[in-house]
Each structure stands twice: as structure tokens, then as C-alpha cells.
Amino acid sequence: MDYEQNGFFNSVVFTCGLIIKDKKVKIYYGAADKYIALVEIELDKLYKALNIT
């Protein structure tokens, strides 16, 4: 996304924290060192994407 690529440090995304609640993983991250954002994924989908059984 544009806000992740354009800011104080362009094209930089870094994790800020992670919470697991109600079988969902919530990952907070900094985008272009200007914004804080949140992405969610179901734990089962994450395990599948990482080939963890």
C-alpha cells in the first residue's frame, strides 16, 4: 500500500507487536516509519501458510 511505501523511511515495514486472541493473530506494524497499522489472520490459516501441522 502507498502508506507502507511512502513516508519518513520509504518502503520500510517493521513489526511492533503481536497478540493472539480468539484463535486470531493480530500483528501491529510500522509502515514507512510514519504510521502504525494492524493486520489480522486466523491462527489456522497462518499455520497452513507456514506448513505447520
PDB file of N, CA and C in Angstrom:
ATOM      1  N   MET A   1       0.835  -1.182   0.000  1.00  0.00           N
ATOM      2  CA  MET A   1       0.000   0.000   0.000  1.00  0.00           C
ATOM      3  C   MET A   1       0.887   1.255   0.000  1.00  0.00           C
ATOM      4  N   ASP A   2       0.327   2.329  -0.493  1.00  0.00           N
ATOM      5  CA  ASP A   2       1.078   3.573  -0.588  1.00  0.00           C
ATOM      6  C   ASP A   2       1.603   4.029   0.774  1.00  0.00           C
ATOM      7  N   TYR A   3       0.773   3.937   1.825  1.00  0.00           N
ATOM      8  CA  TYR A   3       1.204   4.401   3.146  1.00  0.00           C
ATOM      9  C   TYR A   3       2.338   3.558   3.733  1.00  0.00           C
ATOM     10  N   GLU A   4       2.538   2.338   3.213  1.00  0.00           N
ATOM     11  CA  GLU A   4       3.643   1.487   3.665  1.00  0.00           C
ATOM     12  C   GLU A   4       4.939   1.818   2.930  1.00  0.00           C
ATOM     13  N   GLN A   5       4.806   2.429   1.757  1.00  0.00           N
ATOM     14  CA  GLN A   5       5.980   2.660   0.925  1.00  0.00           C
ATOM     15  C   GLN A   5       6.458   4.100   0.908  1.00  0.00           C
ATOM     16  N   ASN A   6       5.612   5.033   1.291  1.00  0.00           N
ATOM     17  CA  ASN A   6       5.985   6.442   1.213  1.00  0.00           C
ATOM     18  C   ASN A   6       5.798   7.108   2.568  1.00  0.00           C
ATOM     19  N   GLY A   7       6.891   7.583   3.128  1.00  0.00           N
ATOM     20  CA  GLY A   7       6.850   8.235   4.435  1.00  0.00           C
ATOM     21  C   GLY A   7       8.240   8.684   4.826  1.00  0.00           C
ATOM     22  N   PHE A   8       8.500   8.691   6.114  1.00  0.00           N
ATOM     23  CA  PHE A   8       9.809   9.134   6.605  1.00  0.00           C
ATOM     24  C   PHE A   8      10.921   8.232   6.086  1.00  0.00           C
ATOM     25  N   PHE A   9      10.736   6.903   6.217  1.00  0.00           N
ATOM     26  CA  PHE A   9      11.645   5.919   5.615  1.00  0.00           C
ATOM     27  C   PHE A   9      10.839   5.141   4.593  1.00  0.00           C
ATOM     28  N   ASN A  10      11.062   5.368   3.326  1.00  0.00           N
ATOM     29  CA  ASN A  10      10.292   4.728   2.266  1.00  0.00           C
ATOM     30  C   ASN A  10      10.514   3.219   2.232  1.00  0.00           C
ATOM     31  N   SER A  11       9.440   2.492   1.915  1.00  0.00           N
ATOM     32  CA  SER A  11       9.455   1.038   1.705  1.00  0.00           C
ATOM     33  C   SER A  11       9.960   0.254   2.909  1.00  0.00           C
ATOM     34  N   VAL A  12       9.668   0.725   4.123  1.00  0.00           N
ATOM     35  CA  VAL A  12      10.082   0.026   5.336  1.00  0.00           C
ATOM     36  C   VAL A  12       8.837  -0.378   6.124  1.00  0.00           C
ATOM     37  N   VAL A  13       8.739  -1.668   6.443  1.00  0.00           N
ATOM     38  CA  VAL A  13       7.667  -2.192   7.283  1.00  0.00           C
ATOM     39  C   VAL A  13       8.334  -2.969   8.405  1.00  0.00           C
ATOM     40  N   PHE A  14       7.956  -2.683   9.651  1.00  0.00           N
ATOM     41  CA  PHE A  14       8.583  -3.373  10.774  1.00  0.00           C
ATOM     42  C   PHE A  14       7.525  -3.731  11.807  1.00  0.00           C
ATOM     43  N   THR A  15       7.691  -4.886  12.439  1.00  0.00           N
ATOM     44  CA  THR A  15       6.711  -5.321  13.430  1.00  0.00           C
ATOM     45  C   THR A  15       6.872  -4.529  14.714  1.00  0.00           C
ATOM     46  N   CYS A  16       5.737  -4.309  15.374  1.00  0.00           N
ATOM     47  CA  CYS A  16       5.718  -3.577  16.640  1.00  0.00           C
ATOM     48  C   CYS A  16       5.154  -4.416  17.773  1.00  0.00           C
ATOM     49  N   GLY A  17       4.446  -5.472  17.438  1.00  0.00           N
ATOM     50  CA  GLY A  17       3.854  -6.316  18.466  1.00  0.00           C
ATOM     51  C   GLY A  17       2.924  -7.335  17.854  1.00  0.00           C
ATOM     52  N   LEU A  18       2.587  -8.337  18.655  1.00  0.00           N
ATOM     53  CA  LEU A  18       1.734  -9.417  18.190  1.00  0.00           C
ATOM     54  C   LEU A  18       0.853  -9.876  19.342  1.00  0.00           C
ATOM     55  N   ILE A  19      -0.412 -10.118  19.043  1.00  0.00           N
ATOM     56  CA  ILE A  19      -1.366 -10.607  20.035  1.00  0.00           C
ATOM     57  C   ILE A  19      -2.086 -11.810  19.427  1.00  0.00           C
ATOM     58  N   ILE A  20      -2.250 -12.862  20.214  1.00  0.00           N
ATOM     59  CA  ILE A  20      -3.086 -13.989  19.803  1.00  0.00           C
ATOM     60  C   ILE A  20      -4.304 -13.998  20.717  1.00  0.00           C
ATOM     61  N   LYS A  21      -5.503 -13.878  20.108  1.00  0.00           N
ATOM     62  CA  LYS A  21      -6.743 -13.842  20.875  1.00  0.00           C
ATOM     63  C   LYS A  21      -7.864 -14.422  20.029  1.00  0.00           C
ATOM     64  N   ASP A  22      -8.657 -15.272  20.632  1.00  0.00           N
ATOM     65  CA  ASP A  22      -9.804 -15.873  19.944  1.00  0.00           C
ATOM     66  C   ASP A  22      -9.405 -16.543  18.631  1.00  0.00           C
ATOM     67  N   LYS A  23      -8.287 -17.275  18.664  1.00  0.00           N
ATOM     68  CA  LYS A  23      -7.782 -18.029  17.501  1.00  0.00           C
ATOM     69  C   LYS A  23      -7.421 -17.132  16.320  1.00  0.00           C
ATOM     70  N   LYS A  24      -7.110 -15.870  16.608  1.00  0.00           N
ATOM     71  CA  LYS A  24      -6.644 -14.941  15.583  1.00  0.00           C
ATOM     72  C   LYS A  24      -5.316 -14.342  16.020  1.00  0.00           C
ATOM     73  N   VAL A  25      -4.462 -14.107  15.046  1.00  0.00           N
ATOM     74  CA  VAL A  25      -3.190 -13.437  15.290  1.00  0.00           C
ATOM     75  C   VAL A  25      -3.345 -12.005  14.790  1.00  0.00           C
ATOM     76  N   LYS A  26      -3.038 -11.056  15.663  1.00  0.00           N
ATOM     77  CA  LYS A  26      -3.076  -9.642  15.305  1.00  0.00           C
ATOM     78  C   LYS A  26      -1.648  -9.124  15.357  1.00  0.00           C
ATOM     79  N   ILE A  27      -1.180  -8.612  14.239  1.00  0.00           N
ATOM     80  CA  ILE A  27       0.192  -8.114  14.140  1.00  0.00           C
ATOM     81  C   ILE A  27       0.136  -6.605  13.898  1.00  0.00           C
ATOM     82  N   TYR A  28       0.711  -5.872  14.827  1.00  0.00           N
ATOM     83  CA  TYR A  28       0.828  -4.420  14.683  1.00  0.00           C
ATOM     84  C   TYR A  28       2.175  -4.137  14.017  1.00  0.00           C
ATOM     85  N   TYR A  29       2.176  -3.202  13.069  1.00  0.00           N
ATOM     86  CA  TYR A  29       3.432  -2.913  12.374  1.00  0.00           C
ATOM     87  C   TYR A  29       3.521  -1.441  11.998  1.00  0.00           C
ATOM     88  N   GLY A  30       4.752  -0.995  11.892  1.00  0.00           N
ATOM     89  CA  GLY A  30       5.018   0.362  11.443  1.00  0.00           C
ATOM     90  C   GLY A  30       5.169   0.368   9.936  1.00  0.00           C
ATOM     91  N   ALA A  31       4.632   1.388   9.295  1.00  0.00           N
ATOM     92  CA  ALA A  31       4.665   1.497   7.843  1.00  0.00           C
ATOM     93  C   ALA A  31       5.373   2.784   7.450  1.00  0.00           C
ATOM     94  N   ALA A  32       6.491   2.638   6.760  1.00  0.00           N
ATOM     95  CA  ALA A  32       7.300   3.763   6.280  1.00  0.00           C
ATOM     96  C   ALA A  32       7.692   4.693   7.430  1.00  0.00           C
ATOM     97  N   ASP A  33       7.763   4.146   8.640  1.00  0.00           N
ATOM     98  CA  ASP A  33       8.142   4.888   9.844  1.00  0.00           C
ATOM     99  C   ASP A  33       7.282   6.130  10.060  1.00  0.00           C
ATOM    100  N   LYS A  34       6.027   6.040   9.593  1.00  0.00           N
ATOM    101  CA  LYS A  34       5.117   7.176   9.722  1.00  0.00           C
ATOM    102  C   LYS A  34       3.781   6.763  10.344  1.00  0.00           C
ATOM    103  N   TYR A  35       3.368   5.521  10.118  1.00  0.00           N
ATOM    104  CA  TYR A  35       2.069   5.031  10.579  1.00  0.00           C
ATOM    105  C   TYR A  35       2.232   3.730  11.357  1.00  0.00           C
ATOM    106  N   ILE A  36       1.236   3.430  12.169  1.00  0.00           N
ATOM    107  CA  ILE A  36       1.109   2.125  12.805  1.00  0.00           C
ATOM    108  C   ILE A  36      -0.125   1.468  12.203  1.00  0.00           C
ATOM    109  N   ALA A  37       0.003   0.219  11.784  1.00  0.00           N
ATOM    110  CA  ALA A  37      -1.106  -0.490  11.148  1.00  0.00           C
ATOM    111  C   ALA A  37      -1.321  -1.833  11.841  1.00  0.00           C
ATOM    112  N   LEU A  38      -2.418  -2.487  11.497  1.00  0.00           N
ATOM    113  CA  LEU A  38      -2.776  -3.762  12.091  1.00  0.00           C
ATOM    114  C   LEU A  38      -3.221  -4.715  10.994  1.00  0.00           C
ATOM    115  N   VAL A  39      -2.722  -5.933  11.052  1.00  0.00           N
ATOM    116  CA  VAL A  39      -3.173  -6.993  10.145  1.00  0.00           C
ATOM    117  C   VAL A  39      -3.610  -8.174  11.001  1.00  0.00           C
ATOM    118  N   GLU A  40      -4.693  -8.842  10.604  1.00  0.00           N
ATOM    119  CA  GLU A  40      -5.203  -9.997  11.337  1.00  0.00           C
ATOM    120  C   GLU A  40      -5.227 -11.213  10.427  1.00  0.00           C
ATOM    121  N   ILE A  41      -4.982 -12.377  11.015  1.00  0.00           N
ATOM    122  CA  ILE A  41      -5.104 -13.637  10.288  1.00  0.00           C
ATOM    123  C   ILE A  41      -5.537 -14.702  11.282  1.00  0.00           C
ATOM    124  N   GLU A  42      -6.392 -15.604  10.841  1.00  0.00           N
ATOM    125  CA  GLU A  42      -6.801 -16.706  11.694  1.00  0.00           C
ATOM    126  C   GLU A  42      -5.591 -17.615  11.921  1.00  0.00           C
ATOM    127  N   LEU A  43      -5.451 -18.104  13.144  1.00  0.00           N
ATOM    128  CA  LEU A  43      -4.302 -18.925  13.511  1.00  0.00           C
ATOM    129  C   LEU A  43      -4.175 -20.151  12.608  1.00  0.00           C
ATOM    130  N   ASP A  44      -5.285 -20.815  12.296  1.00  0.00           N
ATOM    131  CA  ASP A  44      -5.241 -21.990  11.417  1.00  0.00           C
ATOM    132  C   ASP A  44      -4.717 -21.639  10.028  1.00  0.00           C
ATOM    133  N   LYS A  45      -5.114 -20.482   9.507  1.00  0.00           N
ATOM    134  CA  LYS A  45      -4.638 -20.059   8.178  1.00  0.00           C
ATOM    135  C   LYS A  45      -3.150 -19.753   8.206  1.00  0.00           C
ATOM    136  N   LEU A  46      -2.688 -19.161   9.307  1.00  0.00           N
ATOM    137  CA  LEU A  46      -1.261 -18.885   9.451  1.00  0.00           C
ATOM    138  C   LEU A  46      -0.465 -20.173   9.498  1.00  0.00           C
ATOM    139  N   TYR A  47      -0.936 -21.137  10.303  1.00  0.00           N
ATOM    140  CA  TYR A  47      -0.258 -22.436  10.371  1.00  0.00           C
ATOM    141  C   TYR A  47      -0.204 -23.083   8.990  1.00  0.00           C
ATOM    142  N   LYS A  48      -1.302 -23.026   8.261  1.00  0.00           N
ATOM    143  CA  LYS A  48      -1.348 -23.630   6.924  1.00  0.00           C
ATOM    144  C   LYS A  48      -0.352 -22.946   5.979  1.00  0.00           C
ATOM    145  N   ALA A  49      -0.301 -21.609   6.039  1.00  0.00           N
ATOM    146  CA  ALA A  49       0.617 -20.853   5.171  1.00  0.00           C
ATOM    147  C   ALA A  49       2.082 -21.169   5.497  1.00  0.00           C
ATOM    148  N   LEU A  50       2.338 -21.490   6.770  1.00  0.00           N
ATOM    149  CA  LEU A  50       3.708 -21.809   7.193  1.00  0.00           C
ATOM    150  C   LEU A  50       4.000 -23.312   7.146  1.00  0.00           C
ATOM    151  N   ASN A  51       3.025 -24.091   6.671  1.00  0.00           N
ATOM    152  CA  ASN A  51       3.143 -25.550   6.610  1.00  0.00           C
ATOM    153  C   ASN A  51       3.401 -26.172   7.959  1.00  0.00           C
ATOM    154  N   ILE A  52       2.721 -25.655   8.987  1.00  0.00           N
ATOM    155  CA  ILE A  52       2.811 -26.195  10.348  1.00  0.00           C
ATOM    156  C   ILE A  52       1.534 -26.988  10.612  1.00  0.00           C
ATOM    157  N   THR A  53       1.699 -28.219  11.024  1.00  0.00           N
ATOM    158  CA  THR A  53       0.506 -29.044  11.291  1.00  0.00           C
ATOM    159  C   THR A  53       0.359 -29.317  12.760  1.00  0.00           C
TER     160      THR A  53
END
